[in-house]
């Protein structure tokens, strides 16, 4: 028997080319956990694309949200984590702060995560 399949999307993370095998059991467990979570498949795929593997719980813990740029992410982080008075907030360099955040976070397809 020969099985020929085109693996795309989330399923590709459960295919092992070195062994030419697909872990169907792990895939089914992952899909069930994903459906029970608040995450979209695109978020899980973005995480797995960078980290290679992970559980839904790990992805939920690492997921920080979706932004258009590192600068937007940094602005949101600063607004939610720090008390920057409005009269001096325009002096804050969000682009540089976003660059610094890239040491502890990664971005994939517009989704931001704490590093794996």
N, C-alpha and C. Protein backbone atom coordinates (compact mmCIF):
# COMPACT_ATOMS: atom_id res chain seq x y z
N UNK A 1 0.82 -1.18 0.00
CA UNK A 1 0.00 0.00 0.00
C UNK A 1 0.87 1.24 0.00
N UNK A 2 0.45 2.20 -0.78
CA UNK A 2 1.17 3.47 -0.86
C UNK A 2 0.17 4.58 -0.61
N UNK A 3 0.54 5.49 0.27
CA UNK A 3 -0.28 6.65 0.55
C UNK A 3 0.42 7.86 -0.01
N UNK A 4 -0.27 8.62 -0.80
CA UNK A 4 0.28 9.84 -1.36
C UNK A 4 -0.59 10.99 -0.89
N UNK A 5 0.01 11.97 -0.23
CA UNK A 5 -0.78 13.08 0.32
C UNK A 5 -0.01 14.38 0.18
N UNK A 6 -0.75 15.44 0.05
CA UNK A 6 -0.19 16.79 0.03
C UNK A 6 -0.48 17.39 1.39
N UNK A 7 0.55 17.61 2.18
CA UNK A 7 0.37 18.10 3.54
C UNK A 7 0.57 19.60 3.54
N UNK A 8 -0.48 20.30 3.96
CA UNK A 8 -0.45 21.75 3.96
C UNK A 8 -1.03 22.25 5.29
N UNK A 9 -0.82 23.50 5.61
CA UNK A 9 -1.37 24.08 6.82
C UNK A 9 -0.76 23.48 8.06
N UNK A 10 -1.55 23.40 9.12
CA UNK A 10 -1.07 22.89 10.39
C UNK A 10 -0.57 21.46 10.31
N UNK A 11 -1.16 20.67 9.46
CA UNK A 11 -0.79 19.25 9.38
C UNK A 11 0.67 19.04 9.03
N UNK A 12 1.27 19.98 8.30
CA UNK A 12 2.67 19.79 7.87
C UNK A 12 3.62 19.73 9.06
N UNK A 13 3.22 20.25 10.21
CA UNK A 13 4.07 20.22 11.39
C UNK A 13 4.10 18.83 12.05
N UNK A 14 3.27 17.93 11.57
CA UNK A 14 3.22 16.57 12.13
C UNK A 14 3.75 15.54 11.14
N UNK A 15 4.31 16.03 10.05
CA UNK A 15 4.94 15.17 9.05
C UNK A 15 6.45 15.20 9.28
N UNK A 16 7.07 14.04 9.31
CA UNK A 16 8.51 13.92 9.54
C UNK A 16 9.15 13.38 8.28
N UNK A 17 9.78 14.28 7.53
CA UNK A 17 10.33 13.89 6.23
C UNK A 17 11.47 12.89 6.36
N UNK A 18 12.25 12.98 7.44
CA UNK A 18 13.36 12.05 7.61
C UNK A 18 12.88 10.61 7.71
N UNK A 19 11.73 10.43 8.35
CA UNK A 19 11.16 9.10 8.50
C UNK A 19 10.03 8.87 7.51
N UNK A 20 9.72 9.90 6.72
CA UNK A 20 8.62 9.86 5.77
C UNK A 20 7.35 9.33 6.43
N UNK A 21 7.00 9.95 7.57
CA UNK A 21 5.82 9.50 8.30
C UNK A 21 5.01 10.69 8.79
N UNK A 22 3.78 10.43 9.08
CA UNK A 22 2.84 11.43 9.59
C UNK A 22 2.28 10.91 10.90
N UNK A 23 2.38 11.71 11.96
CA UNK A 23 1.89 11.31 13.28
C UNK A 23 0.41 11.68 13.40
N UNK A 24 -0.44 10.79 12.92
CA UNK A 24 -1.88 11.04 12.89
C UNK A 24 -2.45 11.21 14.29
N UNK A 25 -2.01 10.41 15.23
CA UNK A 25 -2.50 10.50 16.61
C UNK A 25 -2.19 11.86 17.22
N UNK A 26 -0.96 12.33 17.05
CA UNK A 26 -0.58 13.64 17.58
C UNK A 26 -1.37 14.75 16.88
N UNK A 27 -1.59 14.60 15.59
CA UNK A 27 -2.35 15.59 14.82
C UNK A 27 -3.79 15.68 15.33
N UNK A 28 -4.43 14.54 15.54
CA UNK A 28 -5.81 14.52 16.03
C UNK A 28 -5.89 15.13 17.42
N UNK A 29 -4.96 14.78 18.31
CA UNK A 29 -4.94 15.35 19.66
C UNK A 29 -4.74 16.86 19.61
N UNK A 30 -3.85 17.32 18.74
CA UNK A 30 -3.58 18.75 18.60
C UNK A 30 -4.82 19.48 18.10
N UNK A 31 -5.47 18.94 17.07
CA UNK A 31 -6.68 19.57 16.50
C UNK A 31 -7.80 19.64 17.54
N UNK A 32 -7.97 18.60 18.32
CA UNK A 32 -9.01 18.62 19.36
C UNK A 32 -8.70 19.67 20.41
N UNK A 33 -7.45 19.77 20.83
CA UNK A 33 -7.06 20.79 21.82
C UNK A 33 -7.21 22.19 21.23
N UNK A 34 -6.88 22.35 19.96
CA UNK A 34 -7.02 23.64 19.30
C UNK A 34 -8.48 24.07 19.24
N UNK A 35 -9.36 23.14 18.90
CA UNK A 35 -10.79 23.45 18.83
C UNK A 35 -11.36 23.82 20.20
N UNK A 36 -10.81 23.27 21.27
CA UNK A 36 -11.27 23.56 22.62
C UNK A 36 -10.68 24.87 23.16
N UNK A 37 -9.68 25.41 22.47
CA UNK A 37 -9.03 26.63 22.93
C UNK A 37 -9.66 27.85 22.26
N UNK A 38 -9.15 29.02 22.61
CA UNK A 38 -9.61 30.26 21.98
C UNK A 38 -8.74 30.67 20.80
N UNK A 39 -7.75 29.85 20.45
CA UNK A 39 -6.82 30.18 19.37
C UNK A 39 -7.37 29.84 17.99
N UNK A 40 -6.95 30.62 17.01
CA UNK A 40 -7.23 30.29 15.61
C UNK A 40 -6.12 29.39 15.09
N UNK A 41 -6.42 28.64 14.06
CA UNK A 41 -5.42 27.75 13.46
C UNK A 41 -4.24 28.56 12.92
N UNK A 42 -4.48 29.79 12.42
CA UNK A 42 -3.41 30.62 11.89
C UNK A 42 -2.40 31.00 12.97
N UNK A 43 -2.89 31.23 14.19
CA UNK A 43 -2.01 31.57 15.31
C UNK A 43 -1.12 30.36 15.64
N UNK A 44 -1.73 29.20 15.75
CA UNK A 44 -0.98 27.98 16.05
C UNK A 44 0.05 27.70 14.96
N UNK A 45 -0.35 27.87 13.71
CA UNK A 45 0.57 27.64 12.59
C UNK A 45 1.75 28.61 12.65
N UNK A 46 1.50 29.88 12.96
CA UNK A 46 2.57 30.87 13.05
C UNK A 46 3.56 30.49 14.14
N UNK A 47 3.06 30.02 15.27
CA UNK A 47 3.95 29.60 16.37
C UNK A 47 4.78 28.39 15.96
N UNK A 48 4.12 27.37 15.42
CA UNK A 48 4.81 26.14 15.04
C UNK A 48 5.81 26.38 13.92
N UNK A 49 5.53 27.34 13.05
CA UNK A 49 6.44 27.68 11.96
C UNK A 49 7.80 28.10 12.51
N UNK A 50 7.81 28.77 13.65
CA UNK A 50 9.07 29.25 14.23
C UNK A 50 9.64 28.31 15.27
N UNK A 51 8.78 27.66 16.03
CA UNK A 51 9.27 26.84 17.14
C UNK A 51 9.37 25.36 16.80
N UNK A 52 8.72 24.94 15.73
CA UNK A 52 8.82 23.55 15.30
C UNK A 52 7.82 22.63 15.98
N UNK A 53 7.60 22.83 17.26
CA UNK A 53 6.63 22.01 17.98
C UNK A 53 6.13 22.81 19.18
N UNK A 54 5.08 22.30 19.78
CA UNK A 54 4.53 22.95 20.95
C UNK A 54 3.12 22.47 21.20
N UNK A 55 2.70 22.60 22.43
CA UNK A 55 1.33 22.23 22.79
C UNK A 55 0.45 23.47 22.69
N UNK A 56 -0.84 23.26 22.69
CA UNK A 56 -1.77 24.39 22.68
C UNK A 56 -1.54 25.27 23.90
N UNK A 57 -1.29 24.66 25.04
CA UNK A 57 -1.03 25.41 26.27
C UNK A 57 0.21 26.30 26.11
N UNK A 58 1.27 25.77 25.53
CA UNK A 58 2.49 26.56 25.30
C UNK A 58 2.22 27.72 24.34
N UNK A 59 1.44 27.45 23.32
CA UNK A 59 1.11 28.49 22.35
C UNK A 59 0.27 29.58 23.00
N UNK A 60 -0.73 29.19 23.79
CA UNK A 60 -1.56 30.17 24.49
C UNK A 60 -0.73 31.03 25.43
N UNK A 61 0.20 30.42 26.14
CA UNK A 61 1.05 31.16 27.07
C UNK A 61 1.97 32.14 26.34
N UNK A 62 2.45 31.76 25.18
CA UNK A 62 3.41 32.59 24.44
C UNK A 62 2.73 33.67 23.60
N UNK A 63 1.47 33.46 23.22
CA UNK A 63 0.78 34.37 22.29
C UNK A 63 0.54 35.73 22.95
N UNK A 64 0.96 36.78 22.24
CA UNK A 64 0.80 38.15 22.76
C UNK A 64 -0.20 38.97 21.97
N UNK A 65 -0.55 38.56 20.77
CA UNK A 65 -1.53 39.29 19.98
C UNK A 65 -1.08 39.48 18.55
N UNK A 66 -1.86 40.28 17.82
CA UNK A 66 -1.58 40.52 16.41
C UNK A 66 -1.45 42.03 16.18
N UNK A 67 -0.36 42.41 15.52
CA UNK A 67 -0.10 43.81 15.19
C UNK A 67 0.48 43.90 13.79
N UNK A 68 0.45 45.12 13.24
CA UNK A 68 0.98 45.35 11.90
C UNK A 68 2.48 45.52 11.88
N UNK A 69 3.08 45.88 13.03
CA UNK A 69 4.52 46.13 13.06
C UNK A 69 5.06 45.98 14.47
N UNK A 70 6.39 45.91 14.56
CA UNK A 70 7.04 45.89 15.87
C UNK A 70 6.75 47.18 16.61
N UNK A 71 6.67 48.27 15.90
CA UNK A 71 6.39 49.57 16.53
C UNK A 71 4.99 49.57 17.15
N UNK A 72 4.01 49.03 16.45
CA UNK A 72 2.66 48.94 16.99
C UNK A 72 2.62 48.03 18.22
N UNK A 73 3.34 46.92 18.15
CA UNK A 73 3.43 46.00 19.29
C UNK A 73 4.06 46.71 20.49
N UNK A 74 5.15 47.46 20.24
CA UNK A 74 5.84 48.18 21.32
C UNK A 74 4.93 49.25 21.92
N UNK A 75 4.19 49.95 21.08
CA UNK A 75 3.26 50.97 21.58
C UNK A 75 2.23 50.35 22.51
N UNK A 76 1.64 49.24 22.08
CA UNK A 76 0.65 48.56 22.91
C UNK A 76 1.27 48.05 24.21
N UNK A 77 2.46 47.50 24.12
CA UNK A 77 3.16 47.00 25.31
C UNK A 77 3.42 48.14 26.29
N UNK A 78 3.89 49.27 25.78
CA UNK A 78 4.18 50.43 26.64
C UNK A 78 2.90 50.95 27.29
N UNK A 79 1.83 51.02 26.52
CA UNK A 79 0.55 51.51 27.05
C UNK A 79 0.00 50.61 28.15
N UNK A 80 0.18 49.31 28.00
CA UNK A 80 -0.39 48.36 28.96
C UNK A 80 0.52 48.04 30.14
N UNK A 81 1.82 48.26 29.99
CA UNK A 81 2.76 47.86 31.04
C UNK A 81 3.37 49.01 31.82
N UNK A 82 3.34 50.19 31.25
CA UNK A 82 4.00 51.33 31.89
C UNK A 82 3.03 52.50 32.03
N UNK A 83 3.31 53.36 32.96
CA UNK A 83 2.54 54.59 33.13
C UNK A 83 3.33 55.74 32.54
N UNK A 84 3.17 55.94 31.25
CA UNK A 84 3.86 57.02 30.56
C UNK A 84 2.89 58.20 30.48
N UNK A 85 3.20 59.31 31.16
CA UNK A 85 2.31 60.48 31.09
C UNK A 85 2.11 60.93 29.64
N UNK A 86 0.88 61.27 29.31
CA UNK A 86 0.54 61.64 27.94
C UNK A 86 1.38 62.81 27.42
N UNK A 87 1.70 63.76 28.29
CA UNK A 87 2.45 64.93 27.83
C UNK A 87 3.89 64.61 27.43
N UNK A 88 4.41 63.45 27.84
CA UNK A 88 5.77 63.08 27.41
C UNK A 88 5.79 61.82 26.54
N UNK A 89 4.64 61.23 26.28
CA UNK A 89 4.61 59.98 25.51
C UNK A 89 5.14 60.14 24.09
N UNK A 90 5.03 61.33 23.51
CA UNK A 90 5.54 61.53 22.14
C UNK A 90 7.07 61.54 22.09
N UNK A 91 7.73 61.59 23.24
CA UNK A 91 9.19 61.50 23.27
C UNK A 91 9.68 60.04 23.31
N UNK A 92 8.78 59.13 23.57
CA UNK A 92 9.12 57.72 23.69
C UNK A 92 9.39 57.15 22.29
N UNK A 93 10.50 56.45 22.13
CA UNK A 93 10.90 55.89 20.84
C UNK A 93 10.35 54.46 20.73
N UNK A 94 9.14 54.33 20.17
CA UNK A 94 8.48 53.03 20.06
C UNK A 94 9.19 52.12 19.07
N UNK A 95 9.80 52.69 18.05
CA UNK A 95 10.54 51.88 17.09
C UNK A 95 11.73 51.19 17.77
N UNK A 96 12.47 51.93 18.56
CA UNK A 96 13.61 51.36 19.28
C UNK A 96 13.14 50.35 20.32
N UNK A 97 12.06 50.69 21.02
CA UNK A 97 11.52 49.77 22.02
C UNK A 97 11.09 48.47 21.34
N UNK A 98 10.45 48.56 20.18
CA UNK A 98 10.07 47.37 19.42
C UNK A 98 11.28 46.54 19.03
N UNK A 99 12.35 47.21 18.65
CA UNK A 99 13.59 46.50 18.31
C UNK A 99 14.12 45.76 19.54
N UNK A 100 14.08 46.40 20.69
CA UNK A 100 14.54 45.75 21.93
C UNK A 100 13.65 44.58 22.32
N UNK A 101 12.35 44.70 22.06
CA UNK A 101 11.42 43.61 22.38
C UNK A 101 11.70 42.37 21.54
N UNK A 102 12.31 42.56 20.38
CA UNK A 102 12.57 41.42 19.49
C UNK A 102 13.58 40.43 20.08
N UNK A 103 14.22 40.78 21.19
CA UNK A 103 15.11 39.83 21.86
C UNK A 103 14.31 38.83 22.70
N UNK A 104 13.12 39.22 23.13
CA UNK A 104 12.30 38.37 23.98
C UNK A 104 11.04 37.85 23.30
N UNK A 105 10.74 38.38 22.12
CA UNK A 105 9.53 38.01 21.38
C UNK A 105 9.92 37.72 19.93
N UNK A 106 9.02 37.02 19.24
CA UNK A 106 9.20 36.86 17.79
C UNK A 106 7.86 37.11 17.11
N UNK A 107 7.96 37.46 15.84
CA UNK A 107 6.77 37.76 15.04
C UNK A 107 6.70 36.76 13.90
N UNK A 108 5.50 36.29 13.62
CA UNK A 108 5.28 35.40 12.49
C UNK A 108 3.92 35.71 11.90
N UNK A 109 3.90 36.14 10.66
CA UNK A 109 2.66 36.47 9.95
C UNK A 109 1.80 37.49 10.70
N UNK A 110 2.44 38.42 11.40
CA UNK A 110 1.72 39.46 12.12
C UNK A 110 1.32 39.07 13.53
N UNK A 111 1.57 37.83 13.92
CA UNK A 111 1.29 37.36 15.27
C UNK A 111 2.56 37.44 16.10
N UNK A 112 2.43 37.88 17.34
CA UNK A 112 3.60 38.07 18.21
C UNK A 112 3.54 37.09 19.37
N UNK A 113 4.71 36.50 19.69
CA UNK A 113 4.83 35.49 20.72
C UNK A 113 6.08 35.75 21.56
N UNK A 114 6.03 35.34 22.83
CA UNK A 114 7.27 35.27 23.60
C UNK A 114 8.10 34.16 22.99
N UNK A 115 9.42 34.32 23.04
CA UNK A 115 10.32 33.33 22.43
C UNK A 115 10.08 31.93 23.00
N UNK A 116 10.28 30.92 22.13
CA UNK A 116 10.10 29.51 22.52
C UNK A 116 11.23 29.10 23.43
